[in-house]
């Protein structure tokens, strides 16, 4: 099963925007690790908006 290209680009942009990581650093992550980063970023953003 292949991961949707659009979804991959969304993850890359999201992580790059919030963590300021390079494309290479993000693409070096395993898929599960990259998804974990996006989940953690979303949690941080939600908490900041509530606080």
Protein backbone atom coordinates (compact mmCIF):
# COMPACT_ATOMS: atom_id res chain seq x y z
CA UNK A 1 0.00 0.00 0.00
CA UNK A 2 1.36 3.41 -0.90
CA UNK A 3 0.86 6.52 1.13
CA UNK A 4 -1.05 9.26 -0.66
CA UNK A 5 1.33 11.87 -2.06
CA UNK A 6 -0.94 14.74 -1.02
CA UNK A 7 -1.05 13.47 2.56
CA UNK A 8 2.74 13.10 2.64
CA UNK A 9 3.17 16.69 1.44
CA UNK A 10 0.74 17.90 4.11
CA UNK A 11 2.73 16.11 6.82
CA UNK A 12 6.01 17.51 5.52
CA UNK A 13 4.67 21.06 5.41
CA UNK A 14 3.12 20.76 8.87
CA UNK A 15 6.29 19.45 10.54
CA UNK A 16 8.56 21.86 8.64
CA UNK A 17 6.39 24.85 9.57
CA UNK A 18 6.22 24.06 13.28
CA UNK A 19 9.60 22.44 13.95
CA UNK A 20 11.63 24.22 11.25
CA UNK A 21 13.15 20.92 10.14
CA UNK A 22 14.56 20.45 6.65
CA UNK A 23 12.91 18.30 4.02
CA UNK A 24 15.70 15.74 4.37
CA UNK A 25 15.24 15.51 8.13
CA UNK A 26 11.52 14.96 7.78
CA UNK A 27 11.81 12.41 4.98
CA UNK A 28 14.40 10.49 7.02
CA UNK A 29 11.72 9.79 9.62
CA UNK A 30 9.84 6.52 9.50
CA UNK A 31 6.20 6.97 8.59
CA UNK A 32 5.02 6.20 12.13
CA UNK A 33 7.47 8.71 13.61
CA UNK A 34 6.37 11.42 11.18
CA UNK A 35 2.71 10.77 12.05
CA UNK A 36 3.60 10.93 15.74
CA UNK A 37 5.20 14.33 15.19
CA UNK A 38 2.08 15.64 13.47
CA UNK A 39 -0.07 14.36 16.34
CA UNK A 40 2.17 15.99 18.94
CA UNK A 41 2.24 19.28 17.02
CA UNK A 42 -1.55 19.28 16.83
CA UNK A 43 -1.72 18.74 20.58
CA UNK A 44 0.66 21.64 21.22
CA UNK A 45 -1.28 23.94 18.90
CA UNK A 46 -4.59 23.00 20.56
CA UNK A 47 -3.23 23.61 24.04
CA UNK A 48 -1.77 26.97 23.02
CA UNK A 49 -5.09 28.06 21.54
CA UNK A 50 -6.94 27.08 24.73
CA UNK A 51 -4.48 28.73 27.08
